[in-house]
Every structure is written in C-alpha cells, then in structure tokens.
C-alpha cells in the first residue's frame, strides 16, 4: 500500500509512504506513482490521541506513547503488483 499525505507534522509537507508485503516501510518526498486509488482519509493527532476518518474504514481512534501534533489529509493507493 502507498499513503500519499499532505499536511503538517510529517518530515515533509507532501510525502509518499510505501509499505511492502513483508511489513517494511519507507517514505519519499513528494508524490510517487503509480497511484491506484483505494480510499481518502484525514488524520488528526493531538497529544497522545490519534483520530482517523477514512472513506473505506470509517472512524478509528488510537493512543500513542509520544506527544505530537499532526493534521494530515491523505490518499491510500493499492499496490499494483499482484
């Protein structure tokens, strides 16, 4: 899966995070294609609480160990490799 994110709180204002099948992740500055739209989401992280509203998965909340502030709008892209 790819996560193309726009917002404050990450290393770059626009970034692409790619997760491989073995669970490893890496991020790159800007938008990295190809993109196959899966869902749209908004992530708000204030203090230790994270709220995510996703068009496919609905509303999710979680707690983190560290304090942060992030306001992110993103697109989830499915992997094109089968």
C-alpha atoms as a PDB file:
ATOM      1  CA  UNK A   1       0.000   0.000   0.000  1.00  0.00           C
ATOM      2  CA  UNK A   2       1.017   3.593  -0.560  1.00  0.00           C
ATOM      3  CA  UNK A   3      -0.054   6.532   1.542  1.00  0.00           C
ATOM      4  CA  UNK A   4       0.211   9.906  -0.186  1.00  0.00           C
ATOM      5  CA  UNK A   5      -0.059  12.544   2.550  1.00  0.00           C
ATOM      6  CA  UNK A   6      -0.401  16.327   2.631  1.00  0.00           C
ATOM      7  CA  UNK A   7      -0.176  18.304   5.848  1.00  0.00           C
ATOM      8  CA  UNK A   8       1.797  19.375   8.875  1.00  0.00           C
ATOM      9  CA  UNK A   9       3.548  17.120  11.355  1.00  0.00           C
ATOM     10  CA  UNK A  10       5.443  14.825   8.990  1.00  0.00           C
ATOM     11  CA  UNK A  11       9.011  15.297   7.767  1.00  0.00           C
ATOM     12  CA  UNK A  12       7.759  16.856   4.504  1.00  0.00           C
ATOM     13  CA  UNK A  13       4.524  18.718   3.682  1.00  0.00           C
ATOM     14  CA  UNK A  14       3.902  16.243   0.817  1.00  0.00           C
ATOM     15  CA  UNK A  15       5.193  12.694   1.149  1.00  0.00           C
ATOM     16  CA  UNK A  16       4.574   9.142  -0.018  1.00  0.00           C
ATOM     17  CA  UNK A  17       4.949   6.278   2.445  1.00  0.00           C
ATOM     18  CA  UNK A  18       5.197   2.814   0.904  1.00  0.00           C
ATOM     19  CA  UNK A  19       4.587  -0.412   2.831  1.00  0.00           C
ATOM     20  CA  UNK A  20       5.846  -3.664   1.377  1.00  0.00           C
ATOM     21  CA  UNK A  21       4.319  -7.126   1.824  1.00  0.00           C
ATOM     22  CA  UNK A  22       6.971  -8.042   4.427  1.00  0.00           C
ATOM     23  CA  UNK A  23       5.935  -5.102   6.636  1.00  0.00           C
ATOM     24  CA  UNK A  24       8.828  -2.754   5.933  1.00  0.00           C
ATOM     25  CA  UNK A  25       8.068   0.897   5.235  1.00  0.00           C
ATOM     26  CA  UNK A  26       9.893   3.777   3.636  1.00  0.00           C
ATOM     27  CA  UNK A  27       8.968   7.354   2.865  1.00  0.00           C
ATOM     28  CA  UNK A  28       9.847   9.650  -0.004  1.00  0.00           C
ATOM     29  CA  UNK A  29       9.403  13.366  -0.528  1.00  0.00           C
ATOM     30  CA  UNK A  30       6.591  14.312  -2.901  1.00  0.00           C
ATOM     31  CA  UNK A  31       4.110  12.146  -4.779  1.00  0.00           C
ATOM     32  CA  UNK A  32       5.473   8.852  -6.083  1.00  0.00           C
ATOM     33  CA  UNK A  33       3.377   6.927  -8.612  1.00  0.00           C
ATOM     34  CA  UNK A  34       1.803   4.876  -9.900  1.00  0.00           C
ATOM     35  CA  UNK A  35      -1.364   5.530  -7.898  1.00  0.00           C
ATOM     36  CA  UNK A  36      -4.391   3.233  -7.784  1.00  0.00           C
ATOM     37  CA  UNK A  37      -6.990   4.979  -5.583  1.00  0.00           C
ATOM     38  CA  UNK A  38      -8.297   2.928  -2.651  1.00  0.00           C
ATOM     39  CA  UNK A  39      -9.543   5.475  -0.091  1.00  0.00           C
ATOM     40  CA  UNK A  40      -9.270   9.020   1.235  1.00  0.00           C
ATOM     41  CA  UNK A  41      -8.538   9.855   4.891  1.00  0.00           C
ATOM     42  CA  UNK A  42      -7.988  12.656   7.399  1.00  0.00           C
ATOM     43  CA  UNK A  43      -5.701  12.028  10.375  1.00  0.00           C
ATOM     44  CA  UNK A  44      -5.596  14.315  13.387  1.00  0.00           C
ATOM     45  CA  UNK A  45      -3.023  13.639  16.092  1.00  0.00           C
ATOM     46  CA  UNK A  46      -3.198  15.866  19.175  1.00  0.00           C
ATOM     47  CA  UNK A  47      -1.089  14.910  22.176  1.00  0.00           C
ATOM     48  CA  UNK A  48      -1.274  11.127  22.512  1.00  0.00           C
ATOM     49  CA  UNK A  49      -4.640  10.715  20.764  1.00  0.00           C
ATOM     50  CA  UNK A  50      -4.957   9.946  17.055  1.00  0.00           C
ATOM     51  CA  UNK A  51      -8.279  10.163  15.194  1.00  0.00           C
ATOM     52  CA  UNK A  52      -8.555   8.865  11.630  1.00  0.00           C
ATOM     53  CA  UNK A  53     -11.595   9.256   9.398  1.00  0.00           C
ATOM     54  CA  UNK A  54     -11.289   7.002   6.327  1.00  0.00           C
ATOM     55  CA  UNK A  55     -13.779   6.632   3.455  1.00  0.00           C
ATOM     56  CA  UNK A  56     -13.389   2.814   3.480  1.00  0.00           C
ATOM     57  CA  UNK A  57     -12.702   2.023   7.145  1.00  0.00           C
ATOM     58  CA  UNK A  58     -14.730   4.747   8.881  1.00  0.00           C
ATOM     59  CA  UNK A  59     -13.726   6.328  12.187  1.00  0.00           C
ATOM     60  CA  UNK A  60     -10.766   4.954  14.158  1.00  0.00           C
ATOM     61  CA  UNK A  61      -9.043   6.235  17.287  1.00  0.00           C
ATOM     62  CA  UNK A  62      -5.844   5.137  18.958  1.00  0.00           C
ATOM     63  CA  UNK A  63      -3.410   6.180  21.666  1.00  0.00           C
ATOM     64  CA  UNK A  64       0.328   6.663  21.120  1.00  0.00           C
ATOM     65  CA  UNK A  65       3.183   6.800  23.619  1.00  0.00           C
ATOM     66  CA  UNK A  66       4.595  10.118  22.415  1.00  0.00           C
ATOM     67  CA  UNK A  67       3.033  13.557  22.214  1.00  0.00           C
ATOM     68  CA  UNK A  68       2.715  15.100  18.757  1.00  0.00           C
ATOM     69  CA  UNK A  69       0.570  17.360  16.621  1.00  0.00           C
ATOM     70  CA  UNK A  70      -0.270  16.305  13.075  1.00  0.00           C
ATOM     71  CA  UNK A  71      -3.001  17.373  10.678  1.00  0.00           C
ATOM     72  CA  UNK A  72      -2.849  15.163   7.590  1.00  0.00           C
ATOM     73  CA  UNK A  73      -5.044  14.619   4.527  1.00  0.00           C
ATOM     74  CA  UNK A  74      -4.156  11.519   2.558  1.00  0.00           C
ATOM     75  CA  UNK A  75      -4.924   9.055  -0.199  1.00  0.00           C
ATOM     76  CA  UNK A  76      -4.433   5.301   0.150  1.00  0.00           C
ATOM     77  CA  UNK A  77      -3.223   3.610  -3.026  1.00  0.00           C
ATOM     78  CA  UNK A  78      -3.411  -0.136  -3.575  1.00  0.00           C
ATOM     79  CA  UNK A  79      -0.354  -1.980  -4.746  1.00  0.00           C
ATOM     80  CA  UNK A  80      -0.350  -2.587  -8.496  1.00  0.00           C
ATOM     81  CA  UNK A  81       1.922  -5.642  -8.120  1.00  0.00           C
ATOM     82  CA  UNK A  82      -0.015  -8.919  -7.808  1.00  0.00           C
END
